[in-house]
Every structure is written in structure tokens, then in C-alpha cells.
Amino acid sequence: YARISVADEGIGIPKDTGDRIFEAFNQLDTSASRKFE
């Protein structure tokens, strides 16, 4: 395989998130006042 990587120095993702991050309409921050759109 050719592996393309995109690395940032941002806030990171909690360890227990797993593949939930790839679910539709999933937001790590689900609060009404979340910072990220």
C-alpha cells in the first residue's frame, strides 16, 4: 500500500473513542456550546 498520512498538533482524540469517530453525525464534543463546527 501507499500510505498517506496527515498529522497535526491539535487537541487529539480520547483513547476510548475507537471507530466511533467514523460514524455518521458523530461529534466528539456533543455539547450545545461546542467550540468546533
PDB file of all heavy atoms in Angstrom:
ATOM      1  N   TYR A   1       0.832  -1.196   0.000  1.00  0.00           N
ATOM      2  CA  TYR A   1       0.000   0.000   0.000  1.00  0.00           C
ATOM      3  C   TYR A   1       0.873   1.255   0.000  1.00  0.00           C
ATOM      4  O   TYR A   1       1.996   1.246   0.506  1.00  0.00           O
ATOM      5  CB  TYR A   1      -0.917   0.037   1.231  1.00  0.00           C
ATOM      6  CG  TYR A   1      -1.985  -1.032   1.232  1.00  0.00           C
ATOM      7  CD1 TYR A   1      -1.714  -2.318   1.680  1.00  0.00           C
ATOM      8  CD2 TYR A   1      -3.274  -0.742   0.786  1.00  0.00           C
ATOM      9  CE1 TYR A   1      -2.699  -3.297   1.687  1.00  0.00           C
ATOM     10  CE2 TYR A   1      -4.265  -1.709   0.790  1.00  0.00           C
ATOM     11  CZ  TYR A   1      -3.967  -2.983   1.235  1.00  0.00           C
ATOM     12  OH  TYR A   1      -4.945  -3.944   1.230  1.00  0.00           O
ATOM     13  N   ALA A   2       0.329   2.317  -0.556  1.00  0.00           N
ATOM     14  CA  ALA A   2       0.908   3.643  -0.401  1.00  0.00           C
ATOM     15  C   ALA A   2       0.178   4.299   0.761  1.00  0.00           C
ATOM     16  O   ALA A   2      -1.048   4.433   0.727  1.00  0.00           O
ATOM     17  CB  ALA A   2       0.745   4.458  -1.676  1.00  0.00           C
ATOM     18  N   ARG A   3       0.913   4.688   1.791  1.00  0.00           N
ATOM     19  CA  ARG A   3       0.295   5.257   2.993  1.00  0.00           C
ATOM     20  C   ARG A   3       0.433   6.774   2.986  1.00  0.00           C
ATOM     21  O   ARG A   3       1.545   7.314   3.039  1.00  0.00           O
ATOM     22  CB  ARG A   3       0.902   4.663   4.256  1.00  0.00           C
ATOM     23  CG  ARG A   3       0.596   5.436   5.531  1.00  0.00           C
ATOM     24  CD  ARG A   3       0.873   4.632   6.780  1.00  0.00           C
ATOM     25  NE  ARG A   3      -0.194   3.675   7.035  1.00  0.00           N
ATOM     26  CZ  ARG A   3      -0.295   2.961   8.152  1.00  0.00           C
ATOM     27  NH1 ARG A   3       0.639   3.095   9.095  1.00  0.00           N
ATOM     28  NH2 ARG A   3      -1.292   2.122   8.332  1.00  0.00           N
ATOM     29  N   ILE A   4      -0.702   7.461   2.927  1.00  0.00           N
ATOM     30  CA  ILE A   4      -0.748   8.918   3.048  1.00  0.00           C
ATOM     31  C   ILE A   4      -1.073   9.238   4.506  1.00  0.00           C
ATOM     32  O   ILE A   4      -2.007   8.675   5.080  1.00  0.00           O
ATOM     33  CB  ILE A   4      -1.820   9.521   2.127  1.00  0.00           C
ATOM     34  CG1 ILE A   4      -1.574   9.114   0.663  1.00  0.00           C
ATOM     35  CG2 ILE A   4      -1.863  11.035   2.264  1.00  0.00           C
ATOM     36  CD1 ILE A   4      -2.738   9.457  -0.254  1.00  0.00           C
ATOM     37  N   SER A   5      -0.285  10.112   5.106  1.00  0.00           N
ATOM     38  CA  SER A   5      -0.532  10.479   6.496  1.00  0.00           C
ATOM     39  C   SER A   5      -0.747  11.986   6.609  1.00  0.00           C
ATOM     40  O   SER A   5      -0.108  12.766   5.908  1.00  0.00           O
ATOM     41  CB  SER A   5       0.634  10.052   7.393  1.00  0.00           C
ATOM     42  OG  SER A   5       1.850  10.653   6.978  1.00  0.00           O
ATOM     43  N   VAL A   6      -1.687  12.374   7.471  1.00  0.00           N
ATOM     44  CA  VAL A   6      -1.956  13.783   7.768  1.00  0.00           C
ATOM     45  C   VAL A   6      -1.864  13.931   9.276  1.00  0.00           C
ATOM     46  O   VAL A   6      -2.729  13.451  10.014  1.00  0.00           O
ATOM     47  CB  VAL A   6      -3.340  14.223   7.262  1.00  0.00           C
ATOM     48  CG1 VAL A   6      -3.600  15.677   7.633  1.00  0.00           C
ATOM     49  CG2 VAL A   6      -3.438  14.037   5.750  1.00  0.00           C
ATOM     50  N   ALA A   7      -0.790  14.564   9.758  1.00  0.00           N
ATOM     51  CA  ALA A   7      -0.523  14.677  11.195  1.00  0.00           C
ATOM     52  C   ALA A   7      -0.679  16.124  11.643  1.00  0.00           C
ATOM     53  O   ALA A   7      -0.227  17.050  10.958  1.00  0.00           O
ATOM     54  CB  ALA A   7       0.883  14.175  11.512  1.00  0.00           C
ATOM     55  N   ASP A   8      -1.320  16.312  12.791  1.00  0.00           N
ATOM     56  CA  ASP A   8      -1.466  17.657  13.348  1.00  0.00           C
ATOM     57  C   ASP A   8      -0.962  17.681  14.784  1.00  0.00           C
ATOM     58  O   ASP A   8      -0.607  16.639  15.357  1.00  0.00           O
ATOM     59  CB  ASP A   8      -2.931  18.122  13.275  1.00  0.00           C
ATOM     60  CG  ASP A   8      -3.856  17.248  14.112  1.00  0.00           C
ATOM     61  OD1 ASP A   8      -3.616  17.093  15.323  1.00  0.00           O
ATOM     62  OD2 ASP A   8      -4.848  16.726  13.559  1.00  0.00           O
ATOM     63  N   GLU A   9      -0.923  18.864  15.361  1.00  0.00           N
ATOM     64  CA  GLU A   9      -0.512  19.057  16.749  1.00  0.00           C
ATOM     65  C   GLU A   9      -1.685  19.574  17.574  1.00  0.00           C
ATOM     66  O   GLU A   9      -1.531  20.363  18.489  1.00  0.00           O
ATOM     67  CB  GLU A   9       0.660  20.042  16.817  1.00  0.00           C
ATOM     68  CG  GLU A   9       1.889  19.588  16.057  1.00  0.00           C
ATOM     69  CD  GLU A   9       2.974  20.648  16.023  1.00  0.00           C
ATOM     70  OE1 GLU A   9       2.649  21.840  16.266  1.00  0.00           O
ATOM     71  OE2 GLU A   9       4.140  20.303  15.761  1.00  0.00           O
ATOM     72  N   GLY A  10      -2.892  19.066  17.221  1.00  0.00           N
ATOM     73  CA  GLY A  10      -4.103  19.591  17.831  1.00  0.00           C
ATOM     74  C   GLY A  10      -4.471  18.943  19.149  1.00  0.00           C
ATOM     75  O   GLY A  10      -3.614  18.415  19.868  1.00  0.00           O
ATOM     76  N   ILE A  11      -5.778  18.931  19.426  1.00  0.00           N
ATOM     77  CA  ILE A  11      -6.265  18.519  20.747  1.00  0.00           C
ATOM     78  C   ILE A  11      -6.213  17.010  20.944  1.00  0.00           C
ATOM     79  O   ILE A  11      -6.264  16.526  22.076  1.00  0.00           O
ATOM     80  CB  ILE A  11      -7.705  19.012  20.962  1.00  0.00           C
ATOM     81  CG1 ILE A  11      -8.646  18.409  19.904  1.00  0.00           C
ATOM     82  CG2 ILE A  11      -7.751  20.529  20.929  1.00  0.00           C
ATOM     83  CD1 ILE A  11     -10.095  18.748  20.133  1.00  0.00           C
ATOM     84  N   GLY A  12      -6.122  16.236  19.859  1.00  0.00           N
ATOM     85  CA  GLY A  12      -6.082  14.786  19.992  1.00  0.00           C
ATOM     86  C   GLY A  12      -7.464  14.177  20.177  1.00  0.00           C
ATOM     87  O   GLY A  12      -8.479  14.876  20.294  1.00  0.00           O
ATOM     88  N   ILE A  13      -7.503  12.850  20.226  1.00  0.00           N
ATOM     89  CA  ILE A  13      -8.759  12.102  20.339  1.00  0.00           C
ATOM     90  C   ILE A  13      -8.662  11.178  21.553  1.00  0.00           C
ATOM     91  O   ILE A  13      -7.659  10.483  21.718  1.00  0.00           O
ATOM     92  CB  ILE A  13      -9.015  11.271  19.057  1.00  0.00           C
ATOM     93  CG1 ILE A  13      -9.112  12.198  17.841  1.00  0.00           C
ATOM     94  CG2 ILE A  13     -10.293  10.439  19.188  1.00  0.00           C
ATOM     95  CD1 ILE A  13      -9.143  11.468  16.520  1.00  0.00           C
ATOM     96  N   PRO A  14      -9.682  11.121  22.399  1.00  0.00           N
ATOM     97  CA  PRO A  14      -9.641  10.235  23.574  1.00  0.00           C
ATOM     98  C   PRO A  14      -9.424   8.774  23.179  1.00  0.00           C
ATOM     99  O   PRO A  14      -9.893   8.333  22.128  1.00  0.00           O
ATOM    100  CB  PRO A  14     -11.023  10.430  24.213  1.00  0.00           C
ATOM    101  CG  PRO A  14     -11.452  11.794  23.763  1.00  0.00           C
ATOM    102  CD  PRO A  14     -10.887  11.963  22.387  1.00  0.00           C
ATOM    103  N   LYS A  15      -8.729   8.013  24.041  1.00  0.00           N
ATOM    104  CA  LYS A  15      -8.370   6.629  23.725  1.00  0.00           C
ATOM    105  C   LYS A  15      -9.589   5.733  23.540  1.00  0.00           C
ATOM    106  O   LYS A  15      -9.561   4.788  22.751  1.00  0.00           O
ATOM    107  CB  LYS A  15      -7.469   6.064  24.825  1.00  0.00           C
ATOM    108  CG  LYS A  15      -6.054   6.635  24.826  1.00  0.00           C
ATOM    109  CD  LYS A  15      -5.211   5.956  25.889  1.00  0.00           C
ATOM    110  CE  LYS A  15      -3.779   6.496  25.864  1.00  0.00           C
ATOM    111  NZ  LYS A  15      -2.933   5.845  26.893  1.00  0.00           N
ATOM    112  N   ASP A  16     -10.659   5.997  24.295  1.00  0.00           N
ATOM    113  CA  ASP A  16     -11.819   5.113  24.242  1.00  0.00           C
ATOM    114  C   ASP A  16     -12.760   5.418  23.080  1.00  0.00           C
ATOM    115  O   ASP A  16     -13.846   4.848  22.983  1.00  0.00           O
ATOM    116  CB  ASP A  16     -12.601   5.187  25.558  1.00  0.00           C
ATOM    117  CG  ASP A  16     -13.104   6.601  25.861  1.00  0.00           C
ATOM    118  OD1 ASP A  16     -12.676   7.537  25.154  1.00  0.00           O
ATOM    119  OD2 ASP A  16     -13.917   6.758  26.799  1.00  0.00           O
ATOM    120  N   THR A  17     -12.348   6.316  22.188  1.00  0.00           N
ATOM    121  CA  THR A  17     -13.231   6.689  21.072  1.00  0.00           C
ATOM    122  C   THR A  17     -13.352   5.565  20.056  1.00  0.00           C
ATOM    123  O   THR A  17     -14.442   5.257  19.565  1.00  0.00           O
ATOM    124  CB  THR A  17     -12.710   7.964  20.379  1.00  0.00           C
ATOM    125  OG1 THR A  17     -12.642   9.016  21.341  1.00  0.00           O
ATOM    126  CG2 THR A  17     -13.626   8.367  19.238  1.00  0.00           C
ATOM    127  N   GLY A  18     -12.222   4.918  19.717  1.00  0.00           N
ATOM    128  CA  GLY A  18     -12.254   3.815  18.762  1.00  0.00           C
ATOM    129  C   GLY A  18     -12.784   4.244  17.404  1.00  0.00           C
ATOM    130  O   GLY A  18     -12.543   5.366  16.932  1.00  0.00           O
ATOM    131  N   ASP A  19     -13.561   3.363  16.774  1.00  0.00           N
ATOM    132  CA  ASP A  19     -14.094   3.644  15.437  1.00  0.00           C
ATOM    133  C   ASP A  19     -15.351   4.500  15.474  1.00  0.00           C
ATOM    134  O   ASP A  19     -15.928   4.792  14.420  1.00  0.00           O
ATOM    135  CB  ASP A  19     -14.404   2.324  14.714  1.00  0.00           C
ATOM    136  CG  ASP A  19     -13.167   1.743  14.045  1.00  0.00           C
ATOM    137  OD1 ASP A  19     -12.102   2.385  14.130  1.00  0.00           O
ATOM    138  OD2 ASP A  19     -13.254   0.656  13.451  1.00  0.00           O
ATOM    139  N   ARG A  20     -15.785   4.923  16.655  1.00  0.00           N
ATOM    140  CA  ARG A  20     -16.965   5.796  16.719  1.00  0.00           C
ATOM    141  C   ARG A  20     -16.724   7.104  15.979  1.00  0.00           C
ATOM    142  O   ARG A  20     -17.679   7.763  15.542  1.00  0.00           O
ATOM    143  CB  ARG A  20     -17.329   6.093  18.178  1.00  0.00           C
ATOM    144  CG  ARG A  20     -17.975   4.941  18.912  1.00  0.00           C
ATOM    145  CD  ARG A  20     -18.538   5.370  20.264  1.00  0.00           C
ATOM    146  NE  ARG A  20     -17.501   5.798  21.176  1.00  0.00           N
ATOM    147  CZ  ARG A  20     -17.329   7.050  21.577  1.00  0.00           C
ATOM    148  NH1 ARG A  20     -18.110   8.008  21.126  1.00  0.00           N
ATOM    149  NH2 ARG A  20     -16.362   7.355  22.433  1.00  0.00           N
ATOM    150  N   ILE A  21     -15.454   7.454  15.853  1.00  0.00           N
ATOM    151  CA  ILE A  21     -15.135   8.712  15.175  1.00  0.00           C
ATOM    152  C   ILE A  21     -15.540   8.672  13.694  1.00  0.00           C
ATOM    153  O   ILE A  21     -15.735   9.711  13.060  1.00  0.00           O
ATOM    154  CB  ILE A  21     -13.624   9.020  15.310  1.00  0.00           C
ATOM    155  CG1 ILE A  21     -13.337  10.480  14.967  1.00  0.00           C
ATOM    156  CG2 ILE A  21     -12.775   8.091  14.447  1.00  0.00           C
ATOM    157  CD1 ILE A  21     -11.926  10.907  15.245  1.00  0.00           C
ATOM    158  N   PHE A  22     -15.691   7.458  13.136  1.00  0.00           N
ATOM    159  CA  PHE A  22     -16.052   7.321  11.725  1.00  0.00           C
ATOM    160  C   PHE A  22     -17.555   7.143  11.522  1.00  0.00           C
ATOM    161  O   PHE A  22     -18.005   6.948  10.398  1.00  0.00           O
ATOM    162  CB  PHE A  22     -15.324   6.123  11.107  1.00  0.00           C
ATOM    163  CG  PHE A  22     -13.828   6.283  11.084  1.00  0.00           C
ATOM    164  CD1 PHE A  22     -13.021   5.521  11.912  1.00  0.00           C
ATOM    165  CD2 PHE A  22     -13.224   7.199  10.234  1.00  0.00           C
ATOM    166  CE1 PHE A  22     -11.646   5.652  11.893  1.00  0.00           C
ATOM    167  CE2 PHE A  22     -11.851   7.351  10.216  1.00  0.00           C
ATOM    168  CZ  PHE A  22     -11.059   6.576  11.044  1.00  0.00           C
ATOM    169  N   GLU A  23     -18.347   7.188  12.605  1.00  0.00           N
ATOM    170  CA  GLU A  23     -19.789   7.049  12.475  1.00  0.00           C
ATOM    171  C   GLU A  23     -20.401   8.348  11.954  1.00  0.00           C
ATOM    172  O   GLU A  23     -19.896   9.444  12.226  1.00  0.00           O
ATOM    173  CB  GLU A  23     -20.411   6.679  13.821  1.00  0.00           C
ATOM    174  CG  GLU A  23     -19.995   5.310  14.340  1.00  0.00           C
ATOM    175  CD  GLU A  23     -20.562   5.029  15.713  1.00  0.00           C
ATOM    176  OE1 GLU A  23     -21.273   5.908  16.247  1.00  0.00           O
ATOM    177  OE2 GLU A  23     -20.285   3.932  16.250  1.00  0.00           O
ATOM    178  N   ALA A  24     -21.506   8.208  11.214  1.00  0.00           N
ATOM    179  CA  ALA A  24     -22.182   9.389  10.673  1.00  0.00           C
ATOM    180  C   ALA A  24     -22.736  10.252  11.792  1.00  0.00           C
ATOM    181  O   ALA A  24     -23.264   9.742  12.785  1.00  0.00           O
ATOM    182  CB  ALA A  24     -23.316   8.955   9.739  1.00  0.00           C
ATOM    183  N   PHE A  25     -22.596  11.555  11.639  1.00  0.00           N
ATOM    184  CA  PHE A  25     -23.090  12.575  12.568  1.00  0.00           C
ATOM    185  C   PHE A  25     -22.416  12.498  13.935  1.00  0.00           C
ATOM    186  O   PHE A  25     -22.919  13.048  14.906  1.00  0.00           O
ATOM    187  CB  PHE A  25     -24.616  12.465  12.746  1.00  0.00           C
ATOM    188  CG  PHE A  25     -25.386  12.548  11.459  1.00  0.00           C
ATOM    189  CD1 PHE A  25     -25.922  11.399  10.888  1.00  0.00           C
ATOM    190  CD2 PHE A  25     -25.547  13.753  10.800  1.00  0.00           C
ATOM    191  CE1 PHE A  25     -26.620  11.465   9.703  1.00  0.00           C
ATOM    192  CE2 PHE A  25     -26.253  13.828   9.613  1.00  0.00           C
ATOM    193  CZ  PHE A  25     -26.779  12.676   9.064  1.00  0.00           C
ATOM    194  N   ASN A  26     -21.284  11.794  14.016  1.00  0.00           N
ATOM    195  CA  ASN A  26     -20.596  11.691  15.295  1.00  0.00           C
ATOM    196  C   ASN A  26     -19.783  12.950  15.558  1.00  0.00           C
ATOM    197  O   ASN A  26     -19.069  13.446  14.687  1.00  0.00           O
ATOM    198  CB  ASN A  26     -19.664  10.474  15.315  1.00  0.00           C
ATOM    199  CG  ASN A  26     -18.940  10.338  16.645  1.00  0.00           C
ATOM    200  OD1 ASN A  26     -19.536  10.003  17.659  1.00  0.00           O
ATOM    201  ND2 ASN A  26     -17.642  10.615  16.633  1.00  0.00           N
ATOM    202  N   GLN A  27     -19.906  13.472  16.773  1.00  0.00           N
ATOM    203  CA  GLN A  27     -19.115  14.623  17.206  1.00  0.00           C
ATOM    204  C   GLN A  27     -18.485  14.266  18.543  1.00  0.00           C
ATOM    205  O   GLN A  27     -19.165  13.778  19.452  1.00  0.00           O
ATOM    206  CB  GLN A  27     -19.999  15.871  17.381  1.00  0.00           C
ATOM    207  CG  GLN A  27     -20.556  16.412  16.069  1.00  0.00           C
ATOM    208  CD  GLN A  27     -19.535  17.254  15.315  1.00  0.00           C
ATOM    209  OE1 GLN A  27     -18.411  17.426  15.752  1.00  0.00           O
ATOM    210  NE2 GLN A  27     -19.937  17.763  14.162  1.00  0.00           N
ATOM    211  N   LEU A  28     -17.171  14.477  18.667  1.00  0.00           N
ATOM    212  CA  LEU A  28     -16.524  14.203  19.952  1.00  0.00           C
ATOM    213  C   LEU A  28     -17.074  15.122  21.039  1.00  0.00           C
ATOM    214  O   LEU A  28     -17.242  14.723  22.186  1.00  0.00           O
ATOM    215  CB  LEU A  28     -15.006  14.390  19.825  1.00  0.00           C
ATOM    216  CG  LEU A  28     -14.299  13.385  18.893  1.00  0.00           C
ATOM    217  CD1 LEU A  28     -12.810  13.686  18.879  1.00  0.00           C
ATOM    218  CD2 LEU A  28     -14.555  11.954  19.341  1.00  0.00           C
ATOM    219  N   ASP A  29     -17.359  16.353  20.656  1.00  0.00           N
ATOM    220  CA  ASP A  29     -17.953  17.297  21.595  1.00  0.00           C
ATOM    221  C   ASP A  29     -19.416  17.464  21.217  1.00  0.00           C
ATOM    222  O   ASP A  29     -19.741  18.099  20.219  1.00  0.00           O
ATOM    223  CB  ASP A  29     -17.221  18.644  21.525  1.00  0.00           C
ATOM    224  CG  ASP A  29     -17.810  19.672  22.496  1.00  0.00           C
ATOM    225  OD1 ASP A  29     -18.668  19.272  23.315  1.00  0.00           O
ATOM    226  OD2 ASP A  29     -17.399  20.843  22.430  1.00  0.00           O
ATOM    227  N   THR A  30     -20.324  16.866  22.004  1.00  0.00           N
ATOM    228  CA  THR A  30     -21.743  16.900  21.673  1.00  0.00           C
ATOM    229  C   THR A  30     -22.500  17.976  22.454  1.00  0.00           C
ATOM    230  O   THR A  30     -23.725  18.021  22.401  1.00  0.00           O
ATOM    231  CB  THR A  30     -22.381  15.532  21.963  1.00  0.00           C
ATOM    232  OG1 THR A  30     -22.145  15.193  23.341  1.00  0.00           O
ATOM    233  CG2 THR A  30     -21.789  14.453  21.079  1.00  0.00           C
ATOM    234  N   SER A  31     -21.812  18.812  23.168  1.00  0.00           N
ATOM    235  CA  SER A  31     -22.491  19.841  23.947  1.00  0.00           C
ATOM    236  C   SER A  31     -23.067  20.916  23.036  1.00  0.00           C
ATOM    237  O   SER A  31     -22.615  21.113  21.903  1.00  0.00           O
ATOM    238  CB  SER A  31     -21.517  20.483  24.950  1.00  0.00           C
ATOM    239  OG  SER A  31     -20.469  21.125  24.270  1.00  0.00           O
ATOM    240  N   ALA A  32     -24.070  21.625  23.557  1.00  0.00           N
ATOM    241  CA  ALA A  32     -24.734  22.657  22.748  1.00  0.00           C
ATOM    242  C   ALA A  32     -23.804  23.827  22.450  1.00  0.00           C
ATOM    243  O   ALA A  32     -23.988  24.550  21.476  1.00  0.00           O
ATOM    244  CB  ALA A  32     -25.987  23.151  23.479  1.00  0.00           C
ATOM    245  N   SER A  33     -22.783  23.989  23.289  1.00  0.00           N
ATOM    246  CA  SER A  33     -21.860  25.119  23.129  1.00  0.00           C
ATOM    247  C   SER A  33     -20.497  24.671  22.627  1.00  0.00           C
ATOM    248  O   SER A  33     -19.486  25.259  22.976  1.00  0.00           O
ATOM    249  CB  SER A  33     -21.705  25.848  24.474  1.00  0.00           C
ATOM    250  OG  SER A  33     -21.209  24.960  25.460  1.00  0.00           O
ATOM    251  N   ARG A  34     -20.479  23.606  21.823  1.00  0.00           N
ATOM    252  CA  ARG A  34     -19.190  23.071  21.406  1.00  0.00           C
ATOM    253  C   ARG A  34     -18.416  24.110  20.591  1.00  0.00           C
ATOM    254  O   ARG A  34     -18.980  24.922  19.858  1.00  0.00           O
ATOM    255  CB  ARG A  34     -19.378  21.781  20.598  1.00  0.00           C
ATOM    256  CG  ARG A  34     -20.066  21.934  19.264  1.00  0.00           C
ATOM    257  CD  ARG A  34     -20.038  20.596  18.534  1.00  0.00           C
ATOM    258  NE  ARG A  34     -20.550  20.715  17.190  1.00  0.00           N
ATOM    259  CZ  ARG A  34     -21.752  20.315  16.814  1.00  0.00           C
ATOM    260  NH1 ARG A  34     -22.568  19.792  17.692  1.00  0.00           N
ATOM    261  NH2 ARG A  34     -22.135  20.437  15.569  1.00  0.00           N
ATOM    262  N   LYS A  35     -17.105  24.020  20.692  1.00  0.00           N
ATOM    263  CA  LYS A  35     -16.217  25.016  20.091  1.00  0.00           C
ATOM    264  C   LYS A  35     -16.067  24.798  18.592  1.00  0.00           C
ATOM    265  O   LYS A  35     -15.936  25.748  17.823  1.00  0.00           O
ATOM    266  CB  LYS A  35     -14.852  24.943  20.794  1.00  0.00           C
ATOM    267  CG  LYS A  35     -13.802  25.871  20.209  1.00  0.00           C
ATOM    268  CD  LYS A  35     -12.484  25.707  20.956  1.00  0.00           C
ATOM    269  CE  LYS A  35     -11.387  26.577  20.355  1.00  0.00           C
ATOM    270  NZ  LYS A  35     -10.094  26.400  21.034  1.00  0.00           N
ATOM    271  N   PHE A  36     -16.086  23.532  18.154  1.00  0.00           N
ATOM    272  CA  PHE A  36     -15.759  23.228  16.763  1.00  0.00           C
ATOM    273  C   PHE A  36     -17.016  22.919  15.956  1.00  0.00           C
ATOM    274  O   PHE A  36     -17.851  22.117  16.365  1.00  0.00           O
ATOM    275  CB  PHE A  36     -14.800  22.036  16.706  1.00  0.00           C
ATOM    276  CG  PHE A  36     -13.542  22.241  17.501  1.00  0.00           C
ATOM    277  CD1 PHE A  36     -13.385  21.623  18.741  1.00  0.00           C
ATOM    278  CD2 PHE A  36     -12.540  23.064  17.037  1.00  0.00           C
ATOM    279  CE1 PHE A  36     -12.239  21.816  19.481  1.00  0.00           C
ATOM    280  CE2 PHE A  36     -11.389  23.262  17.780  1.00  0.00           C
ATOM    281  CZ  PHE A  36     -11.234  22.640  19.004  1.00  0.00           C
ATOM    282  N   GLU A  37     -17.121  23.576  14.816  1.00  0.00           N
ATOM    283  CA  GLU A  37     -18.278  23.383  13.954  1.00  0.00           C
ATOM    284  C   GLU A  37     -18.096  22.130  13.095  1.00  0.00           C
ATOM    285  O   GLU A  37     -16.990  21.640  12.898  1.00  0.00           O
ATOM    286  CB  GLU A  37     -18.458  24.606  13.049  1.00  0.00           C
ATOM    287  CG  GLU A  37     -18.675  25.911  13.811  1.00  0.00           C
ATOM    288  CD  GLU A  37     -18.727  27.102  12.869  1.00  0.00           C
ATOM    289  OE1 GLU A  37     -18.360  26.924  11.687  1.00  0.00           O
ATOM    290  OE2 GLU A  37     -19.112  28.184  13.305  1.00  0.00           O
TER     291      GLU A  37
END
